[in-house]
Amino acid sequence: MNKKIPVFILLTLTTFSFVACKKHNAPPACGCEAPARDTIPETSNIIGTIMYNEDISSKDFKDKYVILYQEENCINCKHYLAICNEAALPSAVLALKASKGSLQVSFSGFLKPICDKFNAPADYTYENLYLTKIKIQ
């Protein structure tokens, strides 16, 4: 009977370690590493304003480049998109960090959910954006 207990414990620990490894390899449910939730295609021709954000306390948006765009037929519909891949940004956009300015851009990419959810008006959205294209207007 004494020999069965260590074997049982060893098997139990082995099983738990395999289960933990599987969970570790699963993609995150939110953030820039999460699977895309939706796509903004190049053909959408969306134009927004990009700026460097230091002010919003959300960890998804603080100290990041953010694109704000407003829907054409909805004055209250505002979409805030935190850029995931800053390496795709042109130098003129990167300069906004120092200048505190903003630029008009057209863009496309993959939308990914933010992790730090917060209360906002119903017609505002907050998401991460993995850029596939950006062009200064």
N, C-alpha and C. Protein backbone atom coordinates (compact mmCIF):
# COMPACT_ATOMS: atom_id res chain seq x y z
N MET A 1 0.81 -1.19 0.00
CA MET A 1 0.00 0.00 0.00
C MET A 1 0.86 1.26 0.00
N ASN A 2 1.97 1.26 0.68
CA ASN A 2 2.85 2.43 0.74
C ASN A 2 3.44 2.75 -0.63
N LYS A 3 3.66 1.75 -1.47
CA LYS A 3 4.23 1.97 -2.80
C LYS A 3 3.22 2.61 -3.74
N LYS A 4 1.94 2.41 -3.51
CA LYS A 4 0.92 2.95 -4.39
C LYS A 4 0.76 4.46 -4.22
N ILE A 5 0.96 4.97 -3.04
CA ILE A 5 0.76 6.41 -2.78
C ILE A 5 1.78 7.25 -3.55
N PRO A 6 3.08 6.96 -3.52
CA PRO A 6 4.02 7.77 -4.32
C PRO A 6 3.73 7.69 -5.81
N VAL A 7 3.34 6.53 -6.31
CA VAL A 7 3.04 6.39 -7.73
C VAL A 7 1.82 7.25 -8.08
N PHE A 8 0.80 7.22 -7.23
CA PHE A 8 -0.40 8.03 -7.45
C PHE A 8 -0.05 9.52 -7.46
N ILE A 9 0.77 9.96 -6.53
CA ILE A 9 1.18 11.37 -6.46
C ILE A 9 1.97 11.75 -7.70
N LEU A 10 2.87 10.89 -8.14
CA LEU A 10 3.66 11.15 -9.34
C LEU A 10 2.75 11.27 -10.57
N LEU A 11 1.81 10.39 -10.72
CA LEU A 11 0.88 10.45 -11.85
C LEU A 11 0.01 11.71 -11.80
N THR A 12 -0.43 12.08 -10.63
CA THR A 12 -1.26 13.28 -10.46
C THR A 12 -0.47 14.53 -10.84
N LEU A 13 0.76 14.65 -10.37
CA LEU A 13 1.59 15.81 -10.70
C LEU A 13 1.89 15.87 -12.19
N THR A 14 2.15 14.73 -12.79
CA THR A 14 2.42 14.69 -14.22
C THR A 14 1.20 15.16 -15.02
N THR A 15 0.04 14.70 -14.63
CA THR A 15 -1.20 15.09 -15.31
C THR A 15 -1.42 16.60 -15.19
N PHE A 16 -1.24 17.15 -14.00
CA PHE A 16 -1.43 18.59 -13.81
C PHE A 16 -0.43 19.40 -14.61
N SER A 17 0.79 18.93 -14.73
CA SER A 17 1.80 19.68 -15.49
C SER A 17 1.44 19.70 -16.97
N PHE A 18 0.90 18.61 -17.51
CA PHE A 18 0.47 18.61 -18.91
C PHE A 18 -0.71 19.54 -19.14
N VAL A 19 -1.64 19.56 -18.23
CA VAL A 19 -2.80 20.45 -18.35
C VAL A 19 -2.34 21.90 -18.28
N ALA A 20 -1.42 22.22 -17.39
CA ALA A 20 -0.91 23.59 -17.27
C ALA A 20 -0.17 24.00 -18.53
N CYS A 21 0.57 23.11 -19.15
CA CYS A 21 1.28 23.44 -20.38
C CYS A 21 0.30 23.75 -21.51
N LYS A 22 -0.76 23.01 -21.61
CA LYS A 22 -1.74 23.26 -22.66
C LYS A 22 -2.36 24.64 -22.49
N LYS A 23 -2.71 25.01 -21.28
CA LYS A 23 -3.29 26.32 -21.04
C LYS A 23 -2.29 27.42 -21.34
N HIS A 24 -1.03 27.19 -21.06
CA HIS A 24 0.01 28.19 -21.28
C HIS A 24 0.19 28.47 -22.78
N ASN A 25 -0.01 27.48 -23.62
CA ASN A 25 0.18 27.63 -25.05
C ASN A 25 -1.04 28.23 -25.76
N ALA A 26 -2.14 28.36 -25.08
CA ALA A 26 -3.35 28.92 -25.69
C ALA A 26 -3.14 30.42 -25.92
N PRO A 27 -3.67 30.95 -27.04
CA PRO A 27 -3.51 32.40 -27.29
C PRO A 27 -4.28 33.20 -26.24
N PRO A 28 -3.79 34.38 -25.90
CA PRO A 28 -4.50 35.20 -24.92
C PRO A 28 -5.86 35.65 -25.47
N ALA A 29 -6.78 35.91 -24.58
CA ALA A 29 -8.14 36.32 -24.98
C ALA A 29 -8.20 37.80 -25.33
N CYS A 30 -7.18 38.55 -24.94
CA CYS A 30 -7.20 39.99 -25.19
C CYS A 30 -5.78 40.50 -25.40
N GLY A 31 -5.68 41.74 -25.85
CA GLY A 31 -4.38 42.36 -26.07
C GLY A 31 -3.87 42.15 -27.49
N CYS A 32 -2.69 42.65 -27.74
CA CYS A 32 -2.11 42.61 -29.09
C CYS A 32 -1.77 41.21 -29.56
N GLU A 33 -1.60 40.26 -28.67
CA GLU A 33 -1.28 38.89 -29.05
C GLU A 33 -2.52 38.04 -29.24
N ALA A 34 -3.70 38.58 -28.97
CA ALA A 34 -4.95 37.84 -29.12
C ALA A 34 -5.29 37.67 -30.60
N PRO A 35 -6.11 36.68 -30.92
CA PRO A 35 -6.56 36.55 -32.31
C PRO A 35 -7.38 37.77 -32.74
N ALA A 36 -7.36 38.03 -34.04
CA ALA A 36 -8.12 39.17 -34.57
C ALA A 36 -9.61 38.95 -34.37
N ARG A 37 -10.30 39.98 -33.96
CA ARG A 37 -11.74 39.95 -33.75
C ARG A 37 -12.48 40.40 -35.00
N ASP A 38 -11.85 41.30 -35.75
CA ASP A 38 -12.44 41.86 -36.96
C ASP A 38 -11.33 42.46 -37.81
N THR A 39 -11.67 42.84 -39.04
CA THR A 39 -10.69 43.40 -39.97
C THR A 39 -11.19 44.72 -40.51
N ILE A 40 -10.30 45.69 -40.63
CA ILE A 40 -10.57 46.91 -41.37
C ILE A 40 -9.82 46.76 -42.68
N PRO A 41 -10.54 46.48 -43.79
CA PRO A 41 -9.85 46.25 -45.06
C PRO A 41 -9.35 47.55 -45.68
N GLU A 42 -8.37 47.43 -46.57
CA GLU A 42 -7.83 48.61 -47.26
C GLU A 42 -8.91 49.32 -48.05
N THR A 43 -9.87 48.57 -48.54
CA THR A 43 -10.94 49.16 -49.37
C THR A 43 -11.92 50.02 -48.57
N SER A 44 -11.84 49.98 -47.24
CA SER A 44 -12.77 50.78 -46.43
C SER A 44 -12.45 52.27 -46.48
N ASN A 45 -11.22 52.62 -46.82
CA ASN A 45 -10.80 54.03 -46.93
C ASN A 45 -11.15 54.86 -45.70
N ILE A 46 -10.95 54.29 -44.54
CA ILE A 46 -11.21 55.02 -43.29
C ILE A 46 -10.08 56.01 -43.04
N ILE A 47 -10.46 57.22 -42.65
CA ILE A 47 -9.47 58.24 -42.29
C ILE A 47 -9.67 58.59 -40.82
N GLY A 48 -8.58 58.60 -40.09
CA GLY A 48 -8.64 58.94 -38.68
C GLY A 48 -7.50 59.86 -38.30
N THR A 49 -7.48 60.22 -37.04
CA THR A 49 -6.44 61.08 -36.49
C THR A 49 -5.56 60.25 -35.58
N ILE A 50 -4.24 60.26 -35.85
CA ILE A 50 -3.32 59.51 -35.00
C ILE A 50 -2.55 60.48 -34.12
N MET A 51 -2.33 60.07 -32.89
CA MET A 51 -1.60 60.88 -31.91
C MET A 51 -0.89 59.94 -30.94
N TYR A 52 0.03 60.49 -30.17
CA TYR A 52 0.66 59.71 -29.12
C TYR A 52 -0.07 60.02 -27.83
N ASN A 53 -0.50 58.98 -27.13
CA ASN A 53 -1.32 59.17 -25.94
C ASN A 53 -0.54 58.89 -24.66
N GLU A 54 -0.51 59.86 -23.80
CA GLU A 54 0.11 59.68 -22.48
C GLU A 54 -0.92 59.79 -21.36
N ASP A 55 -2.13 60.22 -21.68
CA ASP A 55 -3.08 60.63 -20.65
C ASP A 55 -4.06 59.57 -20.18
N ILE A 56 -4.59 58.74 -21.07
CA ILE A 56 -5.61 57.77 -20.65
C ILE A 56 -4.99 56.79 -19.68
N SER A 57 -5.66 56.54 -18.59
CA SER A 57 -5.09 55.68 -17.55
C SER A 57 -5.18 54.19 -17.90
N SER A 58 -5.93 53.81 -18.92
CA SER A 58 -6.02 52.41 -19.32
C SER A 58 -4.66 51.91 -19.79
N LYS A 59 -4.23 50.78 -19.29
CA LYS A 59 -2.92 50.25 -19.70
C LYS A 59 -2.88 49.87 -21.17
N ASP A 60 -4.04 49.65 -21.79
CA ASP A 60 -4.08 49.34 -23.21
C ASP A 60 -3.79 50.57 -24.07
N PHE A 61 -4.00 51.77 -23.54
CA PHE A 61 -3.85 52.99 -24.33
C PHE A 61 -2.75 53.92 -23.83
N LYS A 62 -2.31 53.77 -22.61
CA LYS A 62 -1.31 54.68 -22.05
C LYS A 62 0.04 54.47 -22.73
N ASP A 63 0.66 55.57 -23.11
CA ASP A 63 1.98 55.56 -23.76
C ASP A 63 1.98 54.75 -25.05
N LYS A 64 0.94 54.96 -25.84
CA LYS A 64 0.83 54.30 -27.14
C LYS A 64 0.34 55.29 -28.18
N TYR A 65 0.60 54.95 -29.44
CA TYR A 65 0.01 55.70 -30.54
C TYR A 65 -1.44 55.22 -30.68
N VAL A 66 -2.34 56.17 -30.83
CA VAL A 66 -3.77 55.86 -30.88
C VAL A 66 -4.38 56.55 -32.10
N ILE A 67 -5.21 55.81 -32.83
CA ILE A 67 -5.98 56.39 -33.93
C ILE A 67 -7.40 56.58 -33.43
N LEU A 68 -7.92 57.76 -33.66
CA LEU A 68 -9.32 58.07 -33.35
C LEU A 68 -10.02 58.31 -34.68
N TYR A 69 -11.10 57.60 -34.91
CA TYR A 69 -11.89 57.92 -36.09
C TYR A 69 -13.37 57.94 -35.72
N GLN A 70 -14.08 58.74 -36.46
CA GLN A 70 -15.49 58.95 -36.21
C GLN A 70 -16.27 58.48 -37.44
N GLU A 71 -17.36 57.76 -37.22
CA GLU A 71 -18.17 57.28 -38.33
C GLU A 71 -18.83 58.46 -39.05
N GLU A 72 -18.96 58.32 -40.36
CA GLU A 72 -19.50 59.41 -41.18
C GLU A 72 -20.89 59.85 -40.78
N ASN A 73 -21.79 58.93 -40.60
CA ASN A 73 -23.19 59.27 -40.34
C ASN A 73 -23.57 59.18 -38.87
N CYS A 74 -22.61 59.23 -37.99
CA CYS A 74 -22.89 59.13 -36.56
C CYS A 74 -21.93 60.05 -35.81
N ILE A 75 -22.43 61.20 -35.42
CA ILE A 75 -21.57 62.20 -34.79
C ILE A 75 -21.00 61.73 -33.45
N ASN A 76 -21.72 60.85 -32.76
CA ASN A 76 -21.26 60.37 -31.45
C ASN A 76 -20.44 59.08 -31.51
N CYS A 77 -20.37 58.44 -32.68
CA CYS A 77 -19.67 57.15 -32.80
C CYS A 77 -18.18 57.38 -32.97
N LYS A 78 -17.45 57.15 -31.91
CA LYS A 78 -16.00 57.35 -31.92
C LYS A 78 -15.31 56.03 -31.62
N HIS A 79 -14.26 55.78 -32.37
CA HIS A 79 -13.51 54.53 -32.23
C HIS A 79 -12.05 54.87 -31.91
N TYR A 80 -11.58 54.36 -30.78
CA TYR A 80 -10.21 54.57 -30.33
C TYR A 80 -9.44 53.27 -30.54
N LEU A 81 -8.34 53.34 -31.29
CA LEU A 81 -7.58 52.16 -31.65
C LEU A 81 -6.12 52.32 -31.22
N ALA A 82 -5.68 51.51 -30.29
CA ALA A 82 -4.29 51.53 -29.82
C ALA A 82 -3.45 50.69 -30.77
N ILE A 83 -2.37 51.26 -31.27
CA ILE A 83 -1.53 50.58 -32.25
C ILE A 83 -0.68 49.50 -31.58
N CYS A 84 -0.76 48.29 -32.10
CA CYS A 84 0.03 47.16 -31.58
C CYS A 84 1.44 47.13 -32.14
N ASN A 85 1.57 47.39 -33.42
CA ASN A 85 2.86 47.24 -34.10
C ASN A 85 3.43 48.61 -34.50
N GLU A 86 4.03 49.28 -33.54
CA GLU A 86 4.57 50.62 -33.77
C GLU A 86 5.68 50.62 -34.81
N ALA A 87 6.31 49.49 -35.06
CA ALA A 87 7.37 49.43 -36.07
C ALA A 87 6.82 49.71 -37.47
N ALA A 88 5.52 49.58 -37.66
CA ALA A 88 4.90 49.84 -38.97
C ALA A 88 4.62 51.32 -39.20
N LEU A 89 4.83 52.14 -38.18
CA LEU A 89 4.51 53.56 -38.29
C LEU A 89 5.62 54.33 -39.01
N PRO A 90 5.24 55.24 -39.92
CA PRO A 90 6.25 56.07 -40.58
C PRO A 90 6.90 57.05 -39.60
N SER A 91 8.07 57.55 -39.95
CA SER A 91 8.82 58.44 -39.05
C SER A 91 8.04 59.70 -38.68
N ALA A 92 7.23 60.22 -39.61
CA ALA A 92 6.44 61.42 -39.30
C ALA A 92 5.44 61.15 -38.17
N VAL A 93 4.93 59.94 -38.11
CA VAL A 93 4.00 59.57 -37.03
C VAL A 93 4.77 59.38 -35.73
N LEU A 94 5.92 58.73 -35.80
CA LEU A 94 6.73 58.52 -34.60
C LEU A 94 7.15 59.85 -33.97
N ALA A 95 7.31 60.88 -34.78
CA ALA A 95 7.69 62.20 -34.28
C ALA A 95 6.59 62.84 -33.43
N LEU A 96 5.37 62.33 -33.52
CA LEU A 96 4.26 62.90 -32.74
C LEU A 96 4.47 62.71 -31.24
N LYS A 97 5.26 61.73 -30.87
CA LYS A 97 5.53 61.50 -29.44
C LYS A 97 6.18 62.74 -28.83
N ALA A 98 7.11 63.34 -29.53
CA ALA A 98 7.81 64.52 -29.03
C ALA A 98 7.01 65.80 -29.27
N SER A 99 6.35 65.88 -30.41
CA SER A 99 5.68 67.13 -30.77
C SER A 99 4.30 67.29 -30.13
N LYS A 100 3.73 66.19 -29.65
CA LYS A 100 2.38 66.19 -29.05
C LYS A 100 1.31 66.60 -30.06
N GLY A 101 1.61 66.47 -31.35
CA GLY A 101 0.66 66.83 -32.40
C GLY A 101 -0.16 65.64 -32.83
N SER A 102 -0.81 65.79 -33.98
CA SER A 102 -1.60 64.71 -34.55
C SER A 102 -1.56 64.83 -36.08
N LEU A 103 -1.88 63.72 -36.74
CA LEU A 103 -1.90 63.68 -38.20
C LEU A 103 -3.13 62.92 -38.67
N GLN A 104 -3.60 63.26 -39.86
CA GLN A 104 -4.68 62.52 -40.49
C GLN A 104 -4.05 61.35 -41.25
N VAL A 105 -4.62 60.15 -41.08
CA VAL A 105 -4.09 58.96 -41.75
C VAL A 105 -5.23 58.09 -42.27
N SER A 106 -4.96 57.38 -43.35
CA SER A 106 -5.83 56.28 -43.75
C SER A 106 -5.12 55.02 -43.30
N PHE A 107 -5.89 53.98 -43.00
CA PHE A 107 -5.27 52.79 -42.41
C PHE A 107 -6.14 51.56 -42.64
N SER A 108 -5.52 50.41 -42.44
CA SER A 108 -6.22 49.13 -42.44
C SER A 108 -5.50 48.23 -41.45
N GLY A 109 -6.18 47.17 -41.04
CA GLY A 109 -5.54 46.26 -40.10
C GLY A 109 -6.53 45.33 -39.42
N PHE A 110 -6.03 44.69 -38.38
CA PHE A 110 -6.80 43.71 -37.63
C PHE A 110 -7.14 44.25 -36.25
N LEU A 111 -8.41 44.19 -35.88
CA LEU A 111 -8.87 44.64 -34.56
C LEU A 111 -8.75 43.50 -33.56
N LYS A 112 -8.23 43.85 -32.38
CA LYS A 112 -8.06 42.88 -31.31
C LYS A 112 -8.62 43.47 -30.02
N PRO A 113 -9.23 42.67 -29.18
CA PRO A 113 -9.86 43.20 -27.96
C PRO A 113 -8.84 43.74 -26.96
N ILE A 114 -9.24 44.79 -26.25
CA ILE A 114 -8.39 45.32 -25.18
C ILE A 114 -8.58 44.46 -23.93
N CYS A 115 -7.66 44.53 -23.02
CA CYS A 115 -7.74 43.76 -21.77
C CYS A 115 -8.36 44.58 -20.64
N ASP A 116 -8.04 45.84 -20.59
CA ASP A 116 -8.46 46.71 -19.49
C ASP A 116 -9.77 47.40 -19.87
N LYS A 117 -10.88 46.69 -19.68
CA LYS A 117 -12.19 47.25 -20.03
C LYS A 117 -12.55 48.37 -19.06
N PHE A 118 -13.22 49.39 -19.58
CA PHE A 118 -13.66 50.49 -18.72
C PHE A 118 -14.96 51.06 -19.26
N ASN A 119 -15.65 51.81 -18.41
CA ASN A 119 -16.94 52.38 -18.79
C ASN A 119 -16.75 53.55 -19.75
N ALA A 120 -17.59 53.57 -20.78
CA ALA A 120 -17.55 54.64 -21.77
C ALA A 120 -18.95 54.74 -22.37
N PRO A 121 -19.23 55.84 -23.06
CA PRO A 121 -20.53 55.93 -23.73
C PRO A 121 -20.72 54.75 -24.68
N ALA A 122 -21.97 54.36 -24.89
CA ALA A 122 -22.28 53.16 -25.67
C ALA A 122 -21.78 53.24 -27.11
N ASP A 123 -21.69 54.43 -27.68
CA ASP A 123 -21.27 54.52 -29.07
C ASP A 123 -19.77 54.82 -29.22
N TYR A 124 -18.99 54.58 -28.19
CA TYR A 124 -17.53 54.66 -28.25
C TYR A 124 -17.01 53.22 -28.22
N THR A 125 -15.97 52.94 -29.00
CA THR A 125 -15.32 51.63 -28.92
C THR A 125 -13.84 51.83 -28.65
N TYR A 126 -13.25 50.87 -27.98
CA TYR A 126 -11.83 50.88 -27.65
C TYR A 126 -11.27 49.52 -28.01
N GLU A 127 -10.29 49.51 -28.92
CA GLU A 127 -9.71 48.25 -29.37
C GLU A 127 -8.24 48.43 -29.69
N ASN A 128 -7.54 47.31 -29.79
CA ASN A 128 -6.17 47.29 -30.29
C ASN A 128 -6.23 47.14 -31.80
N LEU A 129 -5.22 47.68 -32.48
CA LEU A 129 -5.16 47.58 -33.94
C LEU A 129 -3.77 47.14 -34.36
N TYR A 130 -3.73 46.02 -35.09
CA TYR A 130 -2.48 45.58 -35.72
C TYR A 130 -2.54 46.09 -37.15
N LEU A 131 -1.72 47.10 -37.44
CA LEU A 131 -1.75 47.75 -38.75
C LEU A 131 -1.23 46.85 -39.87
N THR A 132 -1.95 46.88 -40.99
CA THR A 132 -1.44 46.25 -42.21
C THR A 132 -1.04 47.34 -43.21
N LYS A 133 -1.61 48.53 -43.05
CA LYS A 133 -1.25 49.65 -43.91
C LYS A 133 -1.61 50.95 -43.20
N ILE A 134 -0.76 51.96 -43.39
CA ILE A 134 -1.04 53.29 -42.88
C ILE A 134 -0.45 54.30 -43.86
N LYS A 135 -1.20 55.34 -44.14
CA LYS A 135 -0.76 56.35 -45.08
C LYS A 135 -1.16 57.72 -44.56
N ILE A 136 -0.21 58.64 -44.50
CA ILE A 136 -0.49 60.01 -44.04
C ILE A 136 -1.27 60.71 -45.14
N GLN A 137 -2.30 61.42 -44.76
CA GLN A 137 -3.16 62.13 -45.73
C GLN A 137 -2.70 63.57 -45.92
